[in-house]
PDB file of N, CA and C in Angstrom:
ATOM      1  N   MET A   1     119.963  41.055  61.377  1.00  0.00           N
ATOM      2  CA  MET A   1     118.971  41.924  60.767  1.00  0.00           C
ATOM      3  C   MET A   1     117.974  41.054  59.992  1.00  0.00           C
ATOM      4  N   ASP A   2     116.709  41.400  60.097  1.00  0.00           N
ATOM      5  CA  ASP A   2     115.635  40.685  59.419  1.00  0.00           C
ATOM      6  C   ASP A   2     115.505  41.221  57.993  1.00  0.00           C
ATOM      7  N   LEU A   3     116.074  40.500  57.027  1.00  0.00           N
ATOM      8  CA  LEU A   3     116.078  40.972  55.638  1.00  0.00           C
ATOM      9  C   LEU A   3     114.681  41.038  55.034  1.00  0.00           C
ATOM     10  N   ALA A   4     113.799  40.124  55.424  1.00  0.00           N
ATOM     11  CA  ALA A   4     112.427  40.162  54.899  1.00  0.00           C
ATOM     12  C   ALA A   4     111.720  41.434  55.354  1.00  0.00           C
ATOM     13  N   LEU A   5     111.894  41.805  56.619  1.00  0.00           N
ATOM     14  CA  LEU A   5     111.292  43.041  57.136  1.00  0.00           C
ATOM     15  C   LEU A   5     111.903  44.254  56.461  1.00  0.00           C
ATOM     16  N   LEU A   6     113.209  44.244  56.270  1.00  0.00           N
ATOM     17  CA  LEU A   6     113.886  45.333  55.582  1.00  0.00           C
ATOM     18  C   LEU A   6     113.354  45.490  54.161  1.00  0.00           C
ATOM     19  N   ALA A   7     113.237  44.384  53.436  1.00  0.00           N
ATOM     20  CA  ALA A   7     112.763  44.431  52.047  1.00  0.00           C
ATOM     21  C   ALA A   7     111.310  44.885  51.962  1.00  0.00           C
ATOM     22  N   SER A   8     110.454  44.390  52.843  1.00  0.00           N
ATOM     23  CA  SER A   8     109.043  44.792  52.780  1.00  0.00           C
ATOM     24  C   SER A   8     108.867  46.259  53.171  1.00  0.00           C
ATOM     25  N   THR A   9     109.656  46.731  54.127  1.00  0.00           N
ATOM     26  CA  THR A   9     109.592  48.148  54.499  1.00  0.00           C
ATOM     27  C   THR A   9     110.077  49.019  53.357  1.00  0.00           C
ATOM     28  N   PHE A  10     111.192  48.629  52.745  1.00  0.00           N
ATOM     29  CA  PHE A  10     111.708  49.381  51.602  1.00  0.00           C
ATOM     30  C   PHE A  10     110.679  49.448  50.482  1.00  0.00           C
ATOM     31  N   ALA A  11     110.111  48.307  50.125  1.00  0.00           N
ATOM     32  CA  ALA A  11     109.138  48.269  49.025  1.00  0.00           C
ATOM     33  C   ALA A  11     107.906  49.108  49.347  1.00  0.00           C
ATOM     34  N   THR A  12     107.420  49.019  50.576  1.00  0.00           N
ATOM     35  CA  THR A  12     106.235  49.785  50.962  1.00  0.00           C
ATOM     36  C   THR A  12     106.488  51.279  50.888  1.00  0.00           C
ATOM     37  N   VAL A  13     107.588  51.734  51.474  1.00  0.00           N
ATOM     38  CA  VAL A  13     107.894  53.174  51.466  1.00  0.00           C
ATOM     39  C   VAL A  13     108.201  53.645  50.049  1.00  0.00           C
ATOM     40  N   PHE A  14     108.953  52.863  49.295  1.00  0.00           N
ATOM     41  CA  PHE A  14     109.289  53.243  47.922  1.00  0.00           C
ATOM     42  C   PHE A  14     108.027  53.428  47.090  1.00  0.00           C
ATOM     43  N   LEU A  15     107.120  52.461  47.142  1.00  0.00           N
ATOM     44  CA  LEU A  15     105.889  52.564  46.354  1.00  0.00           C
ATOM     45  C   LEU A  15     104.987  53.686  46.859  1.00  0.00           C
ATOM     46  N   ALA A  16     104.948  53.889  48.174  1.00  0.00           N
ATOM     47  CA  ALA A  16     104.106  54.952  48.728  1.00  0.00           C
ATOM     48  C   ALA A  16     104.618  56.331  48.343  1.00  0.00           C
ATOM     49  N   GLU A  17     105.912  56.465  48.184  1.00  0.00           N
ATOM     50  CA  GLU A  17     106.495  57.772  47.887  1.00  0.00           C
ATOM     51  C   GLU A  17     106.485  58.113  46.394  1.00  0.00           C
ATOM     52  N   LEU A  18     106.305  57.130  45.531  1.00  0.00           N
ATOM     53  CA  LEU A  18     106.302  57.416  44.093  1.00  0.00           C
ATOM     54  C   LEU A  18     105.132  58.325  43.730  1.00  0.00           C
ATOM     55  N   GLY A  19     105.435  59.425  43.101  1.00  0.00           N
ATOM     56  CA  GLY A  19     104.398  60.300  42.580  1.00  0.00           C
ATOM     57  C   GLY A  19     103.651  61.102  43.629  1.00  0.00           C
ATOM     58  N   ASP A  20     104.128  61.154  44.854  1.00  0.00           N
ATOM     59  CA  ASP A  20     103.409  61.941  45.854  1.00  0.00           C
ATOM     60  C   ASP A  20     103.915  63.387  45.831  1.00  0.00           C
ATOM     61  N   LYS A  21     103.348  64.213  46.704  1.00  0.00           N
ATOM     62  CA  LYS A  21     103.710  65.630  46.724  1.00  0.00           C
ATOM     63  C   LYS A  21     105.184  65.844  47.010  1.00  0.00           C
ATOM     64  N   THR A  22     105.752  64.988  47.848  1.00  0.00           N
ATOM     65  CA  THR A  22     107.173  65.130  48.174  1.00  0.00           C
ATOM     66  C   THR A  22     108.027  64.944  46.929  1.00  0.00           C
ATOM     67  N   GLN A  23     107.732  63.915  46.157  1.00  0.00           N
ATOM     68  CA  GLN A  23     108.523  63.675  44.955  1.00  0.00           C
ATOM     69  C   GLN A  23     108.335  64.816  43.952  1.00  0.00           C
ATOM     70  N   LEU A  24     107.126  65.311  43.818  1.00  0.00           N
ATOM     71  CA  LEU A  24     106.890  66.431  42.900  1.00  0.00           C
ATOM     72  C   LEU A  24     107.632  67.677  43.363  1.00  0.00           C
ATOM     73  N   ALA A  25     107.674  67.909  44.671  1.00  0.00           N
ATOM     74  CA  ALA A  25     108.431  69.048  45.198  1.00  0.00           C
ATOM     75  C   ALA A  25     109.917  68.891  44.906  1.00  0.00           C
ATOM     76  N   ILE A  26     110.424  67.672  45.050  1.00  0.00           N
ATOM     77  CA  ILE A  26     111.841  67.423  44.781  1.00  0.00           C
ATOM     78  C   ILE A  26     112.151  67.643  43.304  1.00  0.00           C
ATOM     79  N   VAL A  27     111.272  67.194  42.432  1.00  0.00           N
ATOM     80  CA  VAL A  27     111.470  67.411  40.989  1.00  0.00           C
ATOM     81  C   VAL A  27     111.490  68.905  40.689  1.00  0.00           C
ATOM     82  N   THR A  28     110.578  69.653  41.314  1.00  0.00           N
ATOM     83  CA  THR A  28     110.508  71.092  41.093  1.00  0.00           C
ATOM     84  C   THR A  28     111.775  71.784  41.584  1.00  0.00           C
ATOM     85  N   ILE A  29     112.188  71.460  42.802  1.00  0.00           N
ATOM     86  CA  ILE A  29     113.390  72.084  43.354  1.00  0.00           C
ATOM     87  C   ILE A  29     114.618  71.713  42.522  1.00  0.00           C
ATOM     88  N   SER A  30     114.715  70.461  42.134  1.00  0.00           N
ATOM     89  CA  SER A  30     115.854  70.010  41.343  1.00  0.00           C
ATOM     90  C   SER A  30     115.868  70.687  39.975  1.00  0.00           C
ATOM     91  N   GLY A  31     114.687  70.915  39.422  1.00  0.00           N
ATOM     92  CA  GLY A  31     114.607  71.564  38.115  1.00  0.00           C
ATOM     93  C   GLY A  31     115.019  73.020  38.134  1.00  0.00           C
ATOM     94  N   THR A  32     114.903  73.656  39.297  1.00  0.00           N
ATOM     95  CA  THR A  32     115.286  75.063  39.400  1.00  0.00           C
ATOM     96  C   THR A  32     116.675  75.235  39.994  1.00  0.00           C
ATOM     97  N   SER A  33     117.361  74.137  40.253  1.00  0.00           N
ATOM     98  CA  SER A  33     118.682  74.183  40.864  1.00  0.00           C
ATOM     99  C   SER A  33     119.711  73.584  39.920  1.00  0.00           C
ATOM    100  N   SER A  34     120.919  74.071  40.024  1.00  0.00           N
ATOM    101  CA  SER A  34     122.000  73.491  39.225  1.00  0.00           C
ATOM    102  C   SER A  34     122.767  72.437  40.022  1.00  0.00           C
ATOM    103  N   ARG A  35     122.249  72.097  41.229  1.00  0.00           N
ATOM    104  CA  ARG A  35     122.938  71.138  42.091  1.00  0.00           C
ATOM    105  C   ARG A  35     121.974  70.036  42.529  1.00  0.00           C
ATOM    106  N   PRO A  36     121.652  69.113  41.639  1.00  0.00           N
ATOM    107  CA  PRO A  36     120.724  68.044  42.001  1.00  0.00           C
ATOM    108  C   PRO A  36     121.249  67.146  43.122  1.00  0.00           C
ATOM    109  N   GLY A  37     122.564  67.053  43.278  1.00  0.00           N
ATOM    110  CA  GLY A  37     123.138  66.259  44.367  1.00  0.00           C
ATOM    111  C   GLY A  37     122.759  66.818  45.731  1.00  0.00           C
ATOM    112  N   ALA A  38     122.759  68.140  45.857  1.00  0.00           N
ATOM    113  CA  ALA A  38     122.376  68.775  47.121  1.00  0.00           C
ATOM    114  C   ALA A  38     120.889  68.563  47.387  1.00  0.00           C
ATOM    115  N   VAL A  39     120.077  68.612  46.334  1.00  0.00           N
ATOM    116  CA  VAL A  39     118.638  68.360  46.490  1.00  0.00           C
ATOM    117  C   VAL A  39     118.420  66.919  46.949  1.00  0.00           C
ATOM    118  N   PHE A  40     119.126  65.994  46.341  1.00  0.00           N
ATOM    119  CA  PHE A  40     119.027  64.586  46.733  1.00  0.00           C
ATOM    120  C   PHE A  40     119.444  64.397  48.185  1.00  0.00           C
ATOM    121  N   ALA A  41     120.565  64.988  48.583  1.00  0.00           N
ATOM    122  CA  ALA A  41     121.053  64.835  49.953  1.00  0.00           C
ATOM    123  C   ALA A  41     120.062  65.414  50.958  1.00  0.00           C
ATOM    124  N   GLY A  42     119.545  66.591  50.666  1.00  0.00           N
ATOM    125  CA  GLY A  42     118.587  67.216  51.574  1.00  0.00           C
ATOM    126  C   GLY A  42     117.292  66.438  51.689  1.00  0.00           C
ATOM    127  N   SER A  43     116.765  65.988  50.559  1.00  0.00           N
ATOM    128  CA  SER A  43     115.503  65.239  50.588  1.00  0.00           C
ATOM    129  C   SER A  43     115.696  63.863  51.228  1.00  0.00           C
ATOM    130  N   SER A  44     116.849  63.245  50.993  1.00  0.00           N
ATOM    131  CA  SER A  44     117.130  61.944  51.612  1.00  0.00           C
ATOM    132  C   SER A  44     117.242  62.075  53.128  1.00  0.00           C
ATOM    133  N   ALA A  45     117.943  63.105  53.573  1.00  0.00           N
ATOM    134  CA  ALA A  45     118.089  63.321  55.017  1.00  0.00           C
ATOM    135  C   ALA A  45     116.732  63.585  55.666  1.00  0.00           C
ATOM    136  N   ALA A  46     115.892  64.363  54.992  1.00  0.00           N
ATOM    137  CA  ALA A  46     114.562  64.652  55.535  1.00  0.00           C
ATOM    138  C   ALA A  46     113.715  63.382  55.640  1.00  0.00           C
ATOM    139  N   LEU A  47     113.755  62.540  54.609  1.00  0.00           N
ATOM    140  CA  LEU A  47     112.982  61.293  54.639  1.00  0.00           C
ATOM    141  C   LEU A  47     113.512  60.348  55.714  1.00  0.00           C
ATOM    142  N   VAL A  48     114.824  60.288  55.857  1.00  0.00           N
ATOM    143  CA  VAL A  48     115.418  59.427  56.889  1.00  0.00           C
ATOM    144  C   VAL A  48     114.994  59.914  58.279  1.00  0.00           C
ATOM    145  N   LEU A  49     115.041  61.227  58.514  1.00  0.00           N
ATOM    146  CA  LEU A  49     114.651  61.764  59.814  1.00  0.00           C
ATOM    147  C   LEU A  49     113.169  61.516  60.098  1.00  0.00           C
ATOM    148  N   ALA A  50     112.318  61.748  59.099  1.00  0.00           N
ATOM    149  CA  ALA A  50     110.882  61.505  59.284  1.00  0.00           C
ATOM    150  C   ALA A  50     110.620  60.024  59.560  1.00  0.00           C
ATOM    151  N   SER A  51     111.330  59.149  58.868  1.00  0.00           N
ATOM    152  CA  SER A  51     111.167  57.718  59.096  1.00  0.00           C
ATOM    153  C   SER A  51     111.673  57.321  60.475  1.00  0.00           C
ATOM    154  N   LEU A  52     112.778  57.916  60.915  1.00  0.00           N
ATOM    155  CA  LEU A  52     113.309  57.647  62.246  1.00  0.00           C
ATOM    156  C   LEU A  52     112.307  58.052  63.322  1.00  0.00           C
ATOM    157  N   LEU A  53     111.716  59.229  63.162  1.00  0.00           N
ATOM    158  CA  LEU A  53     110.711  59.681  64.122  1.00  0.00           C
ATOM    159  C   LEU A  53     109.502  58.745  64.136  1.00  0.00           C
ATOM    160  N   GLY A  54     109.061  58.319  62.963  1.00  0.00           N
ATOM    161  CA  GLY A  54     107.929  57.398  62.884  1.00  0.00           C
ATOM    162  C   GLY A  54     108.235  56.054  63.518  1.00  0.00           C
ATOM    163  N   ALA A  55     109.416  55.536  63.247  1.00  0.00           N
ATOM    164  CA  ALA A  55     109.802  54.238  63.821  1.00  0.00           C
ATOM    165  C   ALA A  55     109.948  54.336  65.336  1.00  0.00           C
ATOM    166  N   ALA A  56     110.535  55.429  65.810  1.00  0.00           N
ATOM    167  CA  ALA A  56     110.699  55.606  67.258  1.00  0.00           C
ATOM    168  C   ALA A  56     109.346  55.755  67.945  1.00  0.00           C
ATOM    169  N   ALA A  57     108.461  56.551  67.327  1.00  0.00           N
ATOM    170  CA  ALA A  57     107.125  56.742  67.912  1.00  0.00           C
ATOM    171  C   ALA A  57     106.353  55.432  67.900  1.00  0.00           C
ATOM    172  N   GLY A  58     106.445  54.701  66.801  1.00  0.00           N
ATOM    173  CA  GLY A  58     105.742  53.422  66.715  1.00  0.00           C
ATOM    174  C   GLY A  58     106.263  52.419  67.725  1.00  0.00           C
ATOM    175  N   GLY A  59     107.567  52.378  67.900  1.00  0.00           N
ATOM    176  CA  GLY A  59     108.154  51.469  68.873  1.00  0.00           C
ATOM    177  C   GLY A  59     107.758  51.833  70.289  1.00  0.00           C
ATOM    178  N   SER A  60     107.734  53.127  70.598  1.00  0.00           N
ATOM    179  CA  SER A  60     107.343  53.576  71.935  1.00  0.00           C
ATOM    180  C   SER A  60     105.868  53.317  72.193  1.00  0.00           C
ATOM    181  N   LEU A  61     105.036  53.622  71.209  1.00  0.00           N
ATOM    182  CA  LEU A  61     103.593  53.413  71.373  1.00  0.00           C
ATOM    183  C   LEU A  61     103.251  51.943  71.525  1.00  0.00           C
ATOM    184  N   SER A  62     103.957  51.100  70.785  1.00  0.00           N
ATOM    185  CA  SER A  62     103.617  49.676  70.825  1.00  0.00           C
ATOM    186  C   SER A  62     103.925  49.038  72.180  1.00  0.00           C
ATOM    187  N   SER A  63     104.773  49.674  72.966  1.00  0.00           N
ATOM    188  CA  SER A  63     105.035  49.144  74.302  1.00  0.00           C
ATOM    189  C   SER A  63     103.952  49.543  75.292  1.00  0.00           C
ATOM    190  N   VAL A  64     103.143  50.541  74.930  1.00  0.00           N
ATOM    191  CA  VAL A  64     102.075  51.031  75.814  1.00  0.00           C
ATOM    192  C   VAL A  64     100.694  50.626  75.311  1.00  0.00           C
ATOM    193  N   VAL A  65     100.505  50.697  73.988  1.00  0.00           N
ATOM    194  CA  VAL A  65      99.209  50.419  73.366  1.00  0.00           C
ATOM    195  C   VAL A  65      99.311  49.113  72.585  1.00  0.00           C
ATOM    196  N   PRO A  66      98.324  48.242  72.686  1.00  0.00           N
ATOM    197  CA  PRO A  66      98.362  46.984  71.928  1.00  0.00           C
ATOM    198  C   PRO A  66      98.439  47.223  70.413  1.00  0.00           C
ATOM    199  N   THR A  67      99.131  46.333  69.730  1.00  0.00           N
ATOM    200  CA  THR A  67      99.329  46.459  68.285  1.00  0.00           C
ATOM    201  C   THR A  67      98.007  46.520  67.531  1.00  0.00           C
ATOM    202  N   ASP A  68      97.044  45.702  67.913  1.00  0.00           N
ATOM    203  CA  ASP A  68      95.743  45.720  67.235  1.00  0.00           C
ATOM    204  C   ASP A  68      95.077  47.084  67.343  1.00  0.00           C
ATOM    205  N   THR A  69      95.200  47.715  68.495  1.00  0.00           N
ATOM    206  CA  THR A  69      94.615  49.046  68.695  1.00  0.00           C
ATOM    207  C   THR A  69      95.312  50.078  67.818  1.00  0.00           C
ATOM    208  N   LEU A  70      96.655  49.993  67.713  1.00  0.00           N
ATOM    209  CA  LEU A  70      97.396  50.910  66.848  1.00  0.00           C
ATOM    210  C   LEU A  70      96.990  50.735  65.385  1.00  0.00           C
ATOM    211  N   GLN A  71      96.855  49.489  64.953  1.00  0.00           N
ATOM    212  CA  GLN A  71      96.452  49.234  63.573  1.00  0.00           C
ATOM    213  C   GLN A  71      95.040  49.744  63.309  1.00  0.00           C
ATOM    214  N   LEU A  72      94.152  49.553  64.263  1.00  0.00           N
ATOM    215  CA  LEU A  72      92.786  50.051  64.122  1.00  0.00           C
ATOM    216  C   LEU A  72      92.771  51.572  64.053  1.00  0.00           C
ATOM    217  N   ALA A  73      93.539  52.221  64.919  1.00  0.00           N
ATOM    218  CA  ALA A  73      93.596  53.687  64.921  1.00  0.00           C
ATOM    219  C   ALA A  73      94.156  54.212  63.596  1.00  0.00           C
ATOM    220  N   ALA A  74      95.196  53.577  63.087  1.00  0.00           N
ATOM    221  CA  ALA A  74      95.767  53.989  61.803  1.00  0.00           C
ATOM    222  C   ALA A  74      94.766  53.782  60.673  1.00  0.00           C
ATOM    223  N   SER A  75      94.060  52.667  60.692  1.00  0.00           N
ATOM    224  CA  SER A  75      93.057  52.379  59.658  1.00  0.00           C
ATOM    225  C   SER A  75      91.937  53.410  59.687  1.00  0.00           C
ATOM    226  N   VAL A  76      91.452  53.704  60.876  1.00  0.00           N
ATOM    227  CA  VAL A  76      90.378  54.695  61.009  1.00  0.00           C
ATOM    228  C   VAL A  76      90.873  56.071  60.567  1.00  0.00           C
ATOM    229  N   GLY A  77      92.112  56.401  60.928  1.00  0.00           N
ATOM    230  CA  GLY A  77      92.685  57.678  60.507  1.00  0.00           C
ATOM    231  C   GLY A  77      92.754  57.808  58.993  1.00  0.00           C
ATOM    232  N   PHE A  78      93.242  56.756  58.330  1.00  0.00           N
ATOM    233  CA  PHE A  78      93.304  56.785  56.865  1.00  0.00           C
ATOM    234  C   PHE A  78      91.905  56.844  56.256  1.00  0.00           C
ATOM    235  N   LEU A  79      90.956  56.140  56.839  1.00  0.00           N
ATOM    236  CA  LEU A  79      89.580  56.174  56.348  1.00  0.00           C
ATOM    237  C   LEU A  79      89.000  57.576  56.461  1.00  0.00           C
ATOM    238  N   VAL A  80      89.209  58.223  57.603  1.00  0.00           N
ATOM    239  CA  VAL A  80      88.705  59.583  57.808  1.00  0.00           C
ATOM    240  C   VAL A  80      89.345  60.547  56.807  1.00  0.00           C
ATOM    241  N   LEU A  81      90.668  60.444  56.635  1.00  0.00           N
ATOM    242  CA  LEU A  81      91.340  61.310  55.662  1.00  0.00           C
ATOM    243  C   LEU A  81      90.817  61.082  54.248  1.00  0.00           C
ATOM    244  N   GLY A  82      90.645  59.828  53.875  1.00  0.00           N
ATOM    245  CA  GLY A  82      90.124  59.511  52.546  1.00  0.00           C
ATOM    246  C   GLY A  82      88.721  60.055  52.331  1.00  0.00           C
ATOM    247  N   LEU A  83      87.870  59.884  53.332  1.00  0.00           N
ATOM    248  CA  LEU A  83      86.501  60.408  53.220  1.00  0.00           C
ATOM    249  C   LEU A  83      86.485  61.926  53.126  1.00  0.00           C
ATOM    250  N   ARG A  84      87.330  62.578  53.917  1.00  0.00           N
ATOM    251  CA  ARG A  84      87.407  64.047  53.847  1.00  0.00           C
ATOM    252  C   ARG A  84      87.871  64.492  52.463  1.00  0.00           C
ATOM    253  N   LEU A  85      88.856  63.816  51.895  1.00  0.00           N
ATOM    254  CA  LEU A  85      89.320  64.169  50.554  1.00  0.00           C
ATOM    255  C   LEU A  85      88.222  63.975  49.518  1.00  0.00           C
ATOM    256  N   LEU A  86      87.475  62.874  49.639  1.00  0.00           N
ATOM    257  CA  LEU A  86      86.373  62.645  48.709  1.00  0.00           C
ATOM    258  C   LEU A  86      85.293  63.715  48.853  1.00  0.00           C
ATOM    259  N   LEU A  87      84.953  64.059  50.079  1.00  0.00           N
ATOM    260  CA  LEU A  87      83.936  65.096  50.300  1.00  0.00           C
ATOM    261  C   LEU A  87      84.401  66.460  49.792  1.00  0.00           C
ATOM    262  N   MET A  88      85.667  66.770  49.996  1.00  0.00           N
ATOM    263  CA  MET A  88      86.200  68.037  49.500  1.00  0.00           C
ATOM    264  C   MET A  88      86.199  68.066  47.974  1.00  0.00           C
ATOM    265  N   ALA A  89      86.546  66.956  47.347  1.00  0.00           N
ATOM    266  CA  ALA A  89      86.527  66.883  45.887  1.00  0.00           C
ATOM    267  C   ALA A  89      85.108  67.041  45.367  1.00  0.00           C
ATOM    268  N   ARG A  90      84.165  66.407  46.053  1.00  0.00           N
ATOM    269  CA  ARG A  90      82.748  66.520  45.656  1.00  0.00           C
ATOM    270  C   ARG A  90      82.262  67.960  45.792  1.00  0.00           C
ATOM    271  N   ALA A  91      82.650  68.621  46.876  1.00  0.00           N
ATOM    272  CA  ALA A  91      82.257  70.015  47.083  1.00  0.00           C
ATOM    273  C   ALA A  91      82.865  70.914  46.006  1.00  0.00           C
ATOM    274  N   ASP A  92      84.110  70.645  45.629  1.00  0.00           N
ATOM    275  CA  ASP A  92      84.754  71.430  44.567  1.00  0.00           C
ATOM    276  C   ASP A  92      84.042  71.225  43.232  1.00  0.00           C
ATOM    277  N   GLU A  93      83.644  69.979  42.942  1.00  0.00           N
ATOM    278  CA  GLU A  93      82.911  69.698  41.703  1.00  0.00           C
ATOM    279  C   GLU A  93      81.564  70.409  41.704  1.00  0.00           C
ATOM    280  N   ASP A  94      80.856  70.358  42.830  1.00  0.00           N
ATOM    281  CA  ASP A  94      79.561  71.025  42.934  1.00  0.00           C
ATOM    282  C   ASP A  94      79.702  72.534  42.771  1.00  0.00           C
ATOM    283  N   SER A  95      80.756  73.090  43.357  1.00  0.00           N
ATOM    284  CA  SER A  95      81.000  74.526  43.258  1.00  0.00           C
ATOM    285  C   SER A  95      81.323  74.925  41.823  1.00  0.00           C
ATOM    286  N   ALA A  96      82.136  74.119  41.152  1.00  0.00           N
ATOM    287  CA  ALA A  96      82.488  74.402  39.760  1.00  0.00           C
ATOM    288  C   ALA A  96      81.257  74.288  38.866  1.00  0.00           C
ATOM    289  N   ALA A  97      80.426  73.295  39.122  1.00  0.00           N
ATOM    290  CA  ALA A  97      79.207  73.133  38.328  1.00  0.00           C
ATOM    291  C   ALA A  97      78.264  74.304  38.553  1.00  0.00           C
ATOM    292  N   ALA A  98      78.136  74.768  39.787  1.00  0.00           N
ATOM    293  CA  ALA A  98      77.273  75.914  40.091  1.00  0.00           C
ATOM    294  C   ALA A  98      77.802  77.176  39.426  1.00  0.00           C
ATOM    295  N   ASP A  99      79.123  77.346  39.402  1.00  0.00           N
ATOM    296  CA  ASP A  99      79.727  78.504  38.744  1.00  0.00           C
ATOM    297  C   ASP A  99      79.448  78.485  37.248  1.00  0.00           C
ATOM    298  N   GLN A 100      79.526  77.288  36.635  1.00  0.00           N
ATOM    299  CA  GLN A 100      79.256  77.176  35.205  1.00  0.00           C
ATOM    300  C   GLN A 100      77.793  77.468  34.897  1.00  0.00           C
ATOM    301  N   GLU A 101      76.903  76.953  35.742  1.00  0.00           N
ATOM    302  CA  GLU A 101      75.472  77.188  35.520  1.00  0.00           C
ATOM    303  C   GLU A 101      75.120  78.656  35.667  1.00  0.00           C
ATOM    304  N   SER A 102      75.679  79.336  36.634  1.00  0.00           N
ATOM    305  CA  SER A 102      75.347  80.742  36.850  1.00  0.00           C
ATOM    306  C   SER A 102      75.954  81.617  35.762  1.00  0.00           C
ATOM    307  N   GLY A 103      77.064  81.202  35.186  1.00  0.00           N
ATOM    308  CA  GLY A 103      77.689  81.967  34.129  1.00  0.00           C
ATOM    309  C   GLY A 103      77.170  81.626  32.747  1.00  0.00           C
ATOM    310  N   ALA A 104      76.508  80.485  32.602  1.00  0.00           N
ATOM    311  CA  ALA A 104      76.059  80.025  31.286  1.00  0.00           C
ATOM    312  C   ALA A 104      74.936  80.872  30.725  1.00  0.00           C
ATOM    313  N   GLY A 105      74.063  81.372  31.580  1.00  0.00           N
ATOM    314  CA  GLY A 105      72.914  82.142  31.096  1.00  0.00           C
ATOM    315  C   GLY A 105      73.204  83.611  30.915  1.00  0.00           C
ATOM    316  N   GLN A 106      74.365  84.073  31.311  1.00  0.00           N
ATOM    317  CA  GLN A 106      74.691  85.486  31.214  1.00  0.00           C
ATOM    318  C   GLN A 106      75.387  85.771  29.903  1.00  0.00           C
ATOM    319  N   ASP A 107      75.107  86.932  29.345  1.00  0.00           N
ATOM    320  CA  ASP A 107      75.767  87.371  28.120  1.00  0.00           C
ATOM    321  C   ASP A 107      77.105  87.987  28.496  1.00  0.00           C
ATOM    322  N   SER A 108      78.178  87.513  27.927  1.00  0.00           N
ATOM    323  CA  SER A 108      79.494  87.987  28.304  1.00  0.00           C
ATOM    324  C   SER A 108      79.845  89.289  27.605  1.00  0.00           C
ATOM    325  N   HIS A 109      79.050  89.718  26.634  1.00  0.00           N
ATOM    326  CA  HIS A 109      79.339  90.972  25.937  1.00  0.00           C
ATOM    327  C   HIS A 109      78.607  92.111  26.616  1.00  0.00           C
ATOM    328  N   PRO A 110      79.242  93.282  26.764  1.00  0.00           N
ATOM    329  CA  PRO A 110      78.580  94.435  27.409  1.00  0.00           C
ATOM    330  C   PRO A 110      77.520  95.060  26.557  1.00  0.00           C
TER     331      PRO A 110
END
């Protein structure tokens, strides 16, 4: 077993998962449950299965598609997602600002 690959994969996934929606969902579920062990087991199994599917898909794709092409596709995908999130955040800010402006000039008393 390649320990360097194991360690870098562990560190990457561990850091990527800290503070994301999955962890927040687990905290929420655990907080409403009296069985945190069951929450841990369920969330661990789900992450292992998702990682297994990703590793299997990546291994299968890499035998058909060149690695550079896969890396480029992943990079472009992340770039597109990031840009969409930024544009959506900008639209939400613009909408909130427009709501404040339209409500600012109105008298709230009947």
